[in-house]
Amino acid sequence: MKILFVGDIFGRPGKKIAAKLIPKIIEEKKVDFCIANGENAAGGFGLTANSAKKMFSYGIDAITSGNHVWDRRETAALLDGSERILRPANYPPGAPGIGYTVMRKGDITIGIINLIGRIFMQPFDCPFRKADEIIDKIRMETKTIFVDFHAECTAEKVALGWHLDGYVSAVVGTHTHVMTADERVLPRGTAYITDVGMTGPHDSVIGVKVEESLGRIMSQRPARFSPAENRLRLSGVLIDVDVATGKSTSIERIFVDDHE
């Protein structure tokens, strides 16, 4: 089974390159299931029903998110109304939406878990214990389990990868918008990468116009941010999973410019 995960789709520029390249990658790589992080798909901040609809039209089967998923008021209702859009599972009880799902596509069954880190983030519930709790439930239906871990701290992401090695098919990090070069299959069969990066404008400060970000950093005053409009690039990973065992056999970084 081939899983394509597309890194944080950032605003209109991210949707533009995603619309162009995701269908091509799905066809060329014979992708069975596509997941994307969409927490910043609406103007660079949050997710709307219209943005989600567009993302699904590209061939994306499920959308994960992170701390910015709450940036739009309408998102709470969107989360409550969909089993294909996830928010981190370790938000406190009562948060809108769901943090994991089991999806079926043809003869494929896949479990997807969205988690958020705690180091340099808000004081969420423990992602490690929450993962253990959810995995026990999902494994009753499928051995193929994908985890999007939305976290700031590299060490916390690496630790979760080792903690879940052999229990899930993949642990893929998101949030920093910068792709790391440490992809590997861990000893017990879990594909891992610390951060899959961002899909959108790369001549920017993690998606934002350089002058706007610099202005805020230099002045230390609040400033309005908007997505940059340049050098579009898709960041993602392609993971091969043996569905009989749920173990991954390979993970490949995908880093494609718009003109390629």
C-alpha atoms as a PDB file:
ATOM      1  CA  MET A   1       0.000   0.000   0.000  1.00  0.00           C
ATOM      2  CA  LYS A   2       1.324   3.432  -0.937  1.00  0.00           C
ATOM      3  CA  ILE A   3       0.446   6.403   1.284  1.00  0.00           C
ATOM      4  CA  LEU A   4       1.144   9.963   0.164  1.00  0.00           C
ATOM      5  CA  PHE A   5       1.290  12.561   2.929  1.00  0.00           C
ATOM      6  CA  VAL A   6       1.438  16.200   1.839  1.00  0.00           C
ATOM      7  CA  GLY A   7       2.945  18.737   4.235  1.00  0.00           C
ATOM      8  CA  ASP A   8       1.067  21.780   5.498  1.00  0.00           C
ATOM      9  CA  ILE A   9      -0.838  23.326   2.567  1.00  0.00           C
ATOM     10  CA  PHE A  10      -0.357  27.051   3.136  1.00  0.00           C
ATOM     11  CA  GLY A  11      -3.010  29.429   1.851  1.00  0.00           C
ATOM     12  CA  ARG A  12      -3.954  29.996  -1.769  1.00  0.00           C
ATOM     13  CA  PRO A  13      -0.386  29.427  -3.053  1.00  0.00           C
ATOM     14  CA  GLY A  14      -0.303  26.043  -1.316  1.00  0.00           C
ATOM     15  CA  LYS A  15      -3.666  25.042  -2.736  1.00  0.00           C
ATOM     16  CA  LYS A  16      -2.531  26.138  -6.201  1.00  0.00           C
ATOM     17  CA  ILE A  17       0.495  23.843  -6.314  1.00  0.00           C
ATOM     18  CA  ALA A  18      -1.374  21.068  -4.508  1.00  0.00           C
ATOM     19  CA  ALA A  19      -4.099  21.149  -7.155  1.00  0.00           C
ATOM     20  CA  LYS A  20      -1.477  20.918  -9.889  1.00  0.00           C
ATOM     21  CA  LEU A  21       0.849  18.275  -8.470  1.00  0.00           C
ATOM     22  CA  ILE A  22      -1.105  15.965  -6.165  1.00  0.00           C
ATOM     23  CA  PRO A  23      -3.152  14.329  -8.966  1.00  0.00           C
ATOM     24  CA  LYS A  24       0.062  13.799 -10.966  1.00  0.00           C
ATOM     25  CA  ILE A  25       1.892  12.254  -8.037  1.00  0.00           C
ATOM     26  CA  ILE A  26      -1.060  10.003  -7.212  1.00  0.00           C
ATOM     27  CA  GLU A  27      -1.120   8.736 -10.791  1.00  0.00           C
ATOM     28  CA  GLU A  28       2.641   8.439 -11.336  1.00  0.00           C
ATOM     29  CA  LYS A  29       3.419   6.842  -7.972  1.00  0.00           C
ATOM     30  CA  LYS A  30       0.268   4.698  -7.927  1.00  0.00           C
ATOM     31  CA  VAL A  31      -0.790   6.126  -4.577  1.00  0.00           C
ATOM     32  CA  ASP A  32      -3.530   4.227  -2.756  1.00  0.00           C
ATOM     33  CA  PHE A  33      -4.327   6.797  -0.079  1.00  0.00           C
ATOM     34  CA  CYS A  34      -3.532  10.509   0.263  1.00  0.00           C
ATOM     35  CA  ILE A  35      -3.461  12.521   3.500  1.00  0.00           C
ATOM     36  CA  ALA A  36      -2.574  16.213   3.880  1.00  0.00           C
ATOM     37  CA  ASN A  37      -2.200  18.651   6.733  1.00  0.00           C
ATOM     38  CA  GLY A  38      -4.602  21.528   6.054  1.00  0.00           C
ATOM     39  CA  GLU A  39      -4.565  23.659   9.203  1.00  0.00           C
ATOM     40  CA  ASN A  40      -3.333  26.715   7.251  1.00  0.00           C
ATOM     41  CA  ALA A  41      -5.157  26.153   3.963  1.00  0.00           C
ATOM     42  CA  ALA A  42      -7.496  29.146   4.334  1.00  0.00           C
ATOM     43  CA  GLY A  43      -5.431  32.266   3.684  1.00  0.00           C
ATOM     44  CA  GLY A  44      -2.505  30.849   5.653  1.00  0.00           C
ATOM     45  CA  PHE A  45      -4.460  30.599   8.900  1.00  0.00           C
ATOM     46  CA  GLY A  46      -7.108  27.988   9.680  1.00  0.00           C
ATOM     47  CA  LEU A  47      -9.379  25.806   7.582  1.00  0.00           C
ATOM     48  CA  THR A  48     -12.755  26.586   6.012  1.00  0.00           C
ATOM     49  CA  ALA A  49     -15.366  24.365   4.394  1.00  0.00           C
ATOM     50  CA  ASN A  50     -14.471  25.792   0.988  1.00  0.00           C
ATOM     51  CA  SER A  51     -10.751  25.101   1.460  1.00  0.00           C
ATOM     52  CA  ALA A  52     -11.466  21.551   2.607  1.00  0.00           C
ATOM     53  CA  LYS A  53     -13.738  20.955  -0.399  1.00  0.00           C
ATOM     54  CA  LYS A  54     -10.968  22.098  -2.744  1.00  0.00           C
ATOM     55  CA  MET A  55      -8.408  19.871  -1.046  1.00  0.00           C
ATOM     56  CA  PHE A  56     -10.631  16.820  -1.362  1.00  0.00           C
ATOM     57  CA  SER A  57     -11.068  17.603  -5.079  1.00  0.00           C
ATOM     58  CA  TYR A  58      -7.282  17.216  -5.584  1.00  0.00           C
ATOM     59  CA  GLY A  59      -7.472  13.563  -4.549  1.00  0.00           C
ATOM     60  CA  ILE A  60      -6.791  14.038  -0.834  1.00  0.00           C
ATOM     61  CA  ASP A  61      -8.687  11.447   1.196  1.00  0.00           C
ATOM     62  CA  ALA A  62      -8.203  12.836   4.708  1.00  0.00           C
ATOM     63  CA  ILE A  63      -7.086  16.131   6.255  1.00  0.00           C
ATOM     64  CA  THR A  64      -5.106  16.472   9.487  1.00  0.00           C
ATOM     65  CA  SER A  65      -4.438  19.690  11.364  1.00  0.00           C
ATOM     66  CA  GLY A  66      -2.816  21.308  14.406  1.00  0.00           C
ATOM     67  CA  ASN A  67      -2.995  24.333  16.684  1.00  0.00           C
ATOM     68  CA  HIS A  68      -4.064  26.739  13.895  1.00  0.00           C
ATOM     69  CA  VAL A  69      -7.179  24.739  13.083  1.00  0.00           C
ATOM     70  CA  TRP A  70      -9.132  27.025  15.432  1.00  0.00           C
ATOM     71  CA  ASP A  71      -8.148  30.259  13.647  1.00  0.00           C
ATOM     72  CA  ARG A  72     -11.473  30.389  11.796  1.00  0.00           C
ATOM     73  CA  ARG A  73     -14.759  30.473  13.701  1.00  0.00           C
ATOM     74  CA  GLU A  74     -16.511  28.178  11.251  1.00  0.00           C
ATOM     75  CA  THR A  75     -13.998  25.370  11.730  1.00  0.00           C
ATOM     76  CA  ALA A  76     -15.620  24.007  14.876  1.00  0.00           C
ATOM     77  CA  ALA A  77     -18.808  23.169  12.958  1.00  0.00           C
ATOM     78  CA  LEU A  78     -16.726  21.806  10.081  1.00  0.00           C
ATOM     79  CA  LEU A  79     -14.895  19.442  12.427  1.00  0.00           C
ATOM     80  CA  ASP A  80     -18.101  18.249  14.040  1.00  0.00           C
ATOM     81  CA  GLY A  81     -19.581  17.461  10.629  1.00  0.00           C
ATOM     82  CA  SER A  82     -16.788  15.416   9.064  1.00  0.00           C
ATOM     83  CA  GLU A  83     -14.981  12.146   9.710  1.00  0.00           C
ATOM     84  CA  ARG A  84     -12.378  13.023   7.068  1.00  0.00           C
ATOM     85  CA  ILE A  85     -11.015  16.106   8.873  1.00  0.00           C
ATOM     86  CA  LEU A  86      -9.120  15.615  12.128  1.00  0.00           C
ATOM     87  CA  ARG A  87      -7.957  17.866  14.942  1.00  0.00           C
ATOM     88  CA  PRO A  88      -5.325  16.660  17.426  1.00  0.00           C
ATOM     89  CA  ALA A  89      -6.714  13.851  19.575  1.00  0.00           C
ATOM     90  CA  ASN A  90      -5.043  15.025  22.778  1.00  0.00           C
ATOM     91  CA  TYR A  91      -6.991  18.265  23.068  1.00  0.00           C
ATOM     92  CA  PRO A  92      -8.951  18.261  26.338  1.00  0.00           C
ATOM     93  CA  PRO A  93     -12.342  16.509  26.377  1.00  0.00           C
ATOM     94  CA  GLY A  94     -15.130  18.536  24.827  1.00  0.00           C
ATOM     95  CA  ALA A  95     -13.158  19.916  21.881  1.00  0.00           C
ATOM     96  CA  PRO A  96     -15.144  19.841  18.608  1.00  0.00           C
ATOM     97  CA  GLY A  97     -14.438  17.116  16.093  1.00  0.00           C
ATOM     98  CA  ILE A  98     -12.460  13.898  16.270  1.00  0.00           C
ATOM     99  CA  GLY A  99      -8.769  13.132  16.685  1.00  0.00           C
ATOM    100  CA  TYR A 100      -8.605   9.798  14.904  1.00  0.00           C
ATOM    101  CA  THR A 101     -10.557   7.835  12.332  1.00  0.00           C
ATOM    102  CA  VAL A 102     -10.618   4.528  10.489  1.00  0.00           C
ATOM    103  CA  MET A 103     -11.290   4.926   6.779  1.00  0.00           C
ATOM    104  CA  ARG A 104     -12.037   2.406   4.068  1.00  0.00           C
ATOM    105  CA  LYS A 105     -11.248   2.959   0.402  1.00  0.00           C
ATOM    106  CA  GLY A 106     -11.908  -0.009  -1.829  1.00  0.00           C
ATOM    107  CA  ASP A 107     -10.217  -2.962  -0.159  1.00  0.00           C
ATOM    108  CA  ILE A 108      -7.971  -0.683   1.943  1.00  0.00           C
ATOM    109  CA  THR A 109      -8.569   0.068   5.627  1.00  0.00           C
ATOM    110  CA  ILE A 110      -6.369   2.670   7.308  1.00  0.00           C
ATOM    111  CA  GLY A 111      -6.354   4.244  10.747  1.00  0.00           C
ATOM    112  CA  ILE A 112      -5.275   7.886  11.007  1.00  0.00           C
ATOM    113  CA  ILE A 113      -4.309   9.599  14.263  1.00  0.00           C
ATOM    114  CA  ASN A 114      -3.646  13.333  14.708  1.00  0.00           C
ATOM    115  CA  LEU A 115      -1.644  14.379  17.782  1.00  0.00           C
ATOM    116  CA  ILE A 116      -0.107  17.625  19.045  1.00  0.00           C
ATOM    117  CA  GLY A 117       3.063  18.134  21.071  1.00  0.00           C
ATOM    118  CA  ARG A 118       3.444  19.799  24.466  1.00  0.00           C
ATOM    119  CA  ILE A 119       7.016  21.157  24.486  1.00  0.00           C
ATOM    120  CA  PHE A 120       7.004  24.888  23.538  1.00  0.00           C
ATOM    121  CA  MET A 121       3.264  24.460  22.922  1.00  0.00           C
ATOM    122  CA  GLN A 122       0.151  24.678  25.091  1.00  0.00           C
ATOM    123  CA  PRO A 123      -0.352  22.236  28.014  1.00  0.00           C
ATOM    124  CA  PHE A 124      -2.258  19.591  26.097  1.00  0.00           C
ATOM    125  CA  ASP A 125      -2.982  16.076  27.321  1.00  0.00           C
ATOM    126  CA  CYS A 126      -0.107  13.623  26.941  1.00  0.00           C
ATOM    127  CA  PRO A 127       0.279  12.641  23.256  1.00  0.00           C
ATOM    128  CA  PHE A 128       2.182   9.467  24.158  1.00  0.00           C
ATOM    129  CA  ARG A 129      -0.521   8.048  26.407  1.00  0.00           C
ATOM    130  CA  LYS A 130      -3.274   9.235  24.071  1.00  0.00           C
ATOM    131  CA  ALA A 131      -1.575   7.430  21.172  1.00  0.00           C
ATOM    132  CA  ASP A 132      -1.385   4.196  23.183  1.00  0.00           C
ATOM    133  CA  GLU A 133      -5.075   4.458  24.031  1.00  0.00           C
ATOM    134  CA  ILE A 134      -6.171   5.046  20.432  1.00  0.00           C
ATOM    135  CA  ILE A 135      -3.896   2.451  18.843  1.00  0.00           C
ATOM    136  CA  ASP A 136      -5.428  -0.327  20.927  1.00  0.00           C
ATOM    137  CA  LYS A 137      -8.828   0.591  19.487  1.00  0.00           C
ATOM    138  CA  ILE A 138      -7.717   0.959  15.859  1.00  0.00           C
ATOM    139  CA  ARG A 139      -5.765  -2.301  15.772  1.00  0.00           C
ATOM    140  CA  MET A 140      -9.048  -4.150  16.192  1.00  0.00           C
ATOM    141  CA  GLU A 141      -9.911  -2.994  12.661  1.00  0.00           C
ATOM    142  CA  THR A 142      -6.589  -2.553  10.851  1.00  0.00           C
ATOM    143  CA  LYS A 143      -2.832  -2.850  11.302  1.00  0.00           C
ATOM    144  CA  THR A 144      -2.170   0.082   8.965  1.00  0.00           C
ATOM    145  CA  ILE A 145      -1.986   3.172  11.191  1.00  0.00           C
ATOM    146  CA  PHE A 146      -0.694   6.613  10.205  1.00  0.00           C
ATOM    147  CA  VAL A 147       0.191   9.313  12.767  1.00  0.00           C
ATOM    148  CA  ASP A 148       0.554  13.059  12.110  1.00  0.00           C
ATOM    149  CA  PHE A 149       2.420  14.498  15.117  1.00  0.00           C
ATOM    150  CA  HIS A 150       2.081  18.285  15.069  1.00  0.00           C
ATOM    151  CA  ALA A 151       4.878  19.464  17.346  1.00  0.00           C
ATOM    152  CA  GLU A 152       7.564  22.111  17.766  1.00  0.00           C
ATOM    153  CA  CYS A 153      10.317  20.188  19.531  1.00  0.00           C
ATOM    154  CA  THR A 154      12.475  17.826  17.481  1.00  0.00           C
ATOM    155  CA  ALA A 155      13.301  15.640  20.481  1.00  0.00           C
ATOM    156  CA  GLU A 156       9.623  15.171  21.325  1.00  0.00           C
ATOM    157  CA  LYS A 157       8.895  14.046  17.763  1.00  0.00           C
ATOM    158  CA  VAL A 158      11.840  11.651  17.717  1.00  0.00           C
ATOM    159  CA  ALA A 159      10.765  10.249  21.083  1.00  0.00           C
ATOM    160  CA  LEU A 160       7.238   9.550  19.858  1.00  0.00           C
ATOM    161  CA  GLY A 161       8.662   7.805  16.794  1.00  0.00           C
ATOM    162  CA  TRP A 162      10.621   5.423  19.009  1.00  0.00           C
ATOM    163  CA  HIS A 163       7.716   5.018  21.422  1.00  0.00           C
ATOM    164  CA  LEU A 164       5.412   3.903  18.610  1.00  0.00           C
ATOM    165  CA  ASP A 165       7.956   1.917  16.587  1.00  0.00           C
ATOM    166  CA  GLY A 166       6.352  -1.400  15.669  1.00  0.00           C
ATOM    167  CA  TYR A 167       2.877  -0.292  16.764  1.00  0.00           C
ATOM    168  CA  VAL A 168       2.033   2.052  13.870  1.00  0.00           C
ATOM    169  CA  SER A 169       2.973   2.170  10.209  1.00  0.00           C
ATOM    170  CA  ALA A 170       4.233   5.764  10.207  1.00  0.00           C
ATOM    171  CA  VAL A 171       4.910   8.760  12.434  1.00  0.00           C
ATOM    172  CA  VAL A 172       5.216  11.948  10.399  1.00  0.00           C
ATOM    173  CA  GLY A 173       5.992  15.300  12.024  1.00  0.00           C
ATOM    174  CA  THR A 174       4.381  18.602  11.051  1.00  0.00           C
ATOM    175  CA  HIS A 175       4.212  22.213  12.346  1.00  0.00           C
ATOM    176  CA  THR A 176       7.629  23.806  11.636  1.00  0.00           C
ATOM    177  CA  HIS A 177       7.034  24.122   7.853  1.00  0.00           C
ATOM    178  CA  VAL A 178      10.672  23.099   7.249  1.00  0.00           C
ATOM    179  CA  MET A 179      11.338  19.631   5.819  1.00  0.00           C
ATOM    180  CA  THR A 180      13.955  17.575   7.647  1.00  0.00           C
ATOM    181  CA  ALA A 181      16.303  15.064   6.023  1.00  0.00           C
ATOM    182  CA  ASP A 182      16.025  12.274   8.605  1.00  0.00           C
ATOM    183  CA  GLU A 183      13.472  10.003   6.969  1.00  0.00           C
ATOM    184  CA  ARG A 184      13.971   6.343   7.821  1.00  0.00           C
ATOM    185  CA  VAL A 185      12.190   3.119   8.681  1.00  0.00           C
ATOM    186  CA  LEU A 186      12.803   2.403  12.358  1.00  0.00           C
ATOM    187  CA  PRO A 187      13.950  -1.099  13.416  1.00  0.00           C
ATOM    188  CA  ARG A 188      10.472  -2.491  14.124  1.00  0.00           C
ATOM    189  CA  GLY A 189       8.892  -1.193  10.925  1.00  0.00           C
ATOM    190  CA  THR A 190       7.604   2.332  11.571  1.00  0.00           C
ATOM    191  CA  ALA A 191       8.374   4.939   8.901  1.00  0.00           C
ATOM    192  CA  TYR A 192       9.508   8.216  10.452  1.00  0.00           C
ATOM    193  CA  ILE A 193      10.418  11.804   9.557  1.00  0.00           C
ATOM    194  CA  THR A 194      10.727  14.703  12.012  1.00  0.00           C
ATOM    195  CA  ASP A 195       8.977  17.230   9.776  1.00  0.00           C
ATOM    196  CA  VAL A 196       7.478  16.841   6.323  1.00  0.00           C
ATOM    197  CA  GLY A 197       7.613  20.582   5.638  1.00  0.00           C
ATOM    198  CA  MET A 198       5.251  22.985   3.899  1.00  0.00           C
ATOM    199  CA  THR A 199       3.431  23.025   0.561  1.00  0.00           C
ATOM    200  CA  GLY A 200       3.331  26.615  -0.628  1.00  0.00           C
ATOM    201  CA  PRO A 201       5.621  29.638  -1.170  1.00  0.00           C
ATOM    202  CA  HIS A 202       9.190  28.815  -0.138  1.00  0.00           C
ATOM    203  CA  ASP A 203      10.830  32.227  -0.668  1.00  0.00           C
ATOM    204  CA  SER A 204       9.155  33.332   2.527  1.00  0.00           C
ATOM    205  CA  VAL A 205       9.305  33.002   6.288  1.00  0.00           C
ATOM    206  CA  ILE A 206       7.504  29.656   6.680  1.00  0.00           C
ATOM    207  CA  GLY A 207       4.904  30.815   4.161  1.00  0.00           C
ATOM    208  CA  VAL A 208       4.527  34.460   5.204  1.00  0.00           C
ATOM    209  CA  LYS A 209       5.772  37.431   3.167  1.00  0.00           C
ATOM    210  CA  VAL A 210       9.358  38.169   4.211  1.00  0.00           C
ATOM    211  CA  GLU A 211       8.844  41.897   4.774  1.00  0.00           C
ATOM    212  CA  GLU A 212       5.825  41.315   7.013  1.00  0.00           C
ATOM    213  CA  SER A 213       7.575  38.719   9.152  1.00  0.00           C
ATOM    214  CA  LEU A 214      10.747  40.804   9.437  1.00  0.00           C
ATOM    215  CA  GLY A 215       8.693  43.848  10.383  1.00  0.00           C
ATOM    216  CA  ARG A 216       7.105  42.003  13.267  1.00  0.00           C
ATOM    217  CA  ILE A 217      10.396  40.507  14.426  1.00  0.00           C
ATOM    218  CA  MET A 218      12.265  43.815  14.268  1.00  0.00           C
ATOM    219  CA  SER A 219       9.544  45.937  15.861  1.00  0.00           C
ATOM    220  CA  GLN A 220       8.161  43.365  18.312  1.00  0.00           C
ATOM    221  CA  ARG A 221       4.705  44.775  17.570  1.00  0.00           C
ATOM    222  CA  PRO A 222       1.632  42.898  16.318  1.00  0.00           C
ATOM    223  CA  ALA A 223       1.407  42.746  12.533  1.00  0.00           C
ATOM    224  CA  ARG A 224      -0.921  41.247   9.985  1.00  0.00           C
ATOM    225  CA  PHE A 225       0.549  38.325   8.062  1.00  0.00           C
ATOM    226  CA  SER A 226      -0.336  37.208   4.543  1.00  0.00           C
ATOM    227  CA  PRO A 227       0.942  34.342   2.360  1.00  0.00           C
ATOM    228  CA  ALA A 228       3.868  35.045   0.049  1.00  0.00           C
ATOM    229  CA  GLU A 229       3.327  34.552  -3.690  1.00  0.00           C
ATOM    230  CA  ASN A 230       6.490  33.011  -5.100  1.00  0.00           C
ATOM    231  CA  ARG A 231       8.496  29.820  -5.772  1.00  0.00           C
ATOM    232  CA  LEU A 232       5.804  27.297  -5.070  1.00  0.00           C
ATOM    233  CA  ARG A 233       6.941  23.915  -3.817  1.00  0.00           C
ATOM    234  CA  LEU A 234       5.175  20.768  -2.661  1.00  0.00           C
ATOM    235  CA  SER A 235       6.649  18.934   0.328  1.00  0.00           C
ATOM    236  CA  GLY A 236       5.589  15.429   1.188  1.00  0.00           C
ATOM    237  CA  VAL A 237       6.530  11.832   1.799  1.00  0.00           C
ATOM    238  CA  LEU A 238       5.619   8.597   0.044  1.00  0.00           C
ATOM    239  CA  ILE A 239       5.397   5.584   2.337  1.00  0.00           C
ATOM    240  CA  ASP A 240       5.137   1.909   1.353  1.00  0.00           C
ATOM    241  CA  VAL A 241       3.263  -0.243   3.868  1.00  0.00           C
ATOM    242  CA  ASP A 242       2.826  -4.018   3.987  1.00  0.00           C
ATOM    243  CA  VAL A 243      -0.878  -4.217   4.878  1.00  0.00           C
ATOM    244  CA  ALA A 244      -0.521  -7.794   6.128  1.00  0.00           C
ATOM    245  CA  THR A 245       1.784  -6.667   8.948  1.00  0.00           C
ATOM    246  CA  GLY A 246       1.182  -2.915   9.108  1.00  0.00           C
ATOM    247  CA  LYS A 247       4.931  -2.365   8.859  1.00  0.00           C
ATOM    248  CA  SER A 248       6.504   0.092   6.427  1.00  0.00           C
ATOM    249  CA  THR A 249       9.118  -0.983   3.931  1.00  0.00           C
ATOM    250  CA  SER A 250      10.216   2.462   2.723  1.00  0.00           C
ATOM    251  CA  ILE A 251       9.742   6.226   3.098  1.00  0.00           C
ATOM    252  CA  GLU A 252      10.726   8.719   0.398  1.00  0.00           C
ATOM    253  CA  ARG A 253      10.819  12.507   0.599  1.00  0.00           C
ATOM    254  CA  ILE A 254       9.012  14.395  -2.176  1.00  0.00           C
ATOM    255  CA  PHE A 255      10.147  18.000  -2.700  1.00  0.00           C
ATOM    256  CA  VAL A 256       8.884  19.312  -6.028  1.00  0.00           C
ATOM    257  CA  ASP A 257       8.966  22.841  -7.470  1.00  0.00           C
ATOM    258  CA  ASP A 258       6.057  24.144  -9.494  1.00  0.00           C
ATOM    259  CA  HIS A 259       8.039  24.239 -12.737  1.00  0.00           C
ATOM    260  CA  GLU A 260       9.229  20.643 -12.543  1.00  0.00           C
END
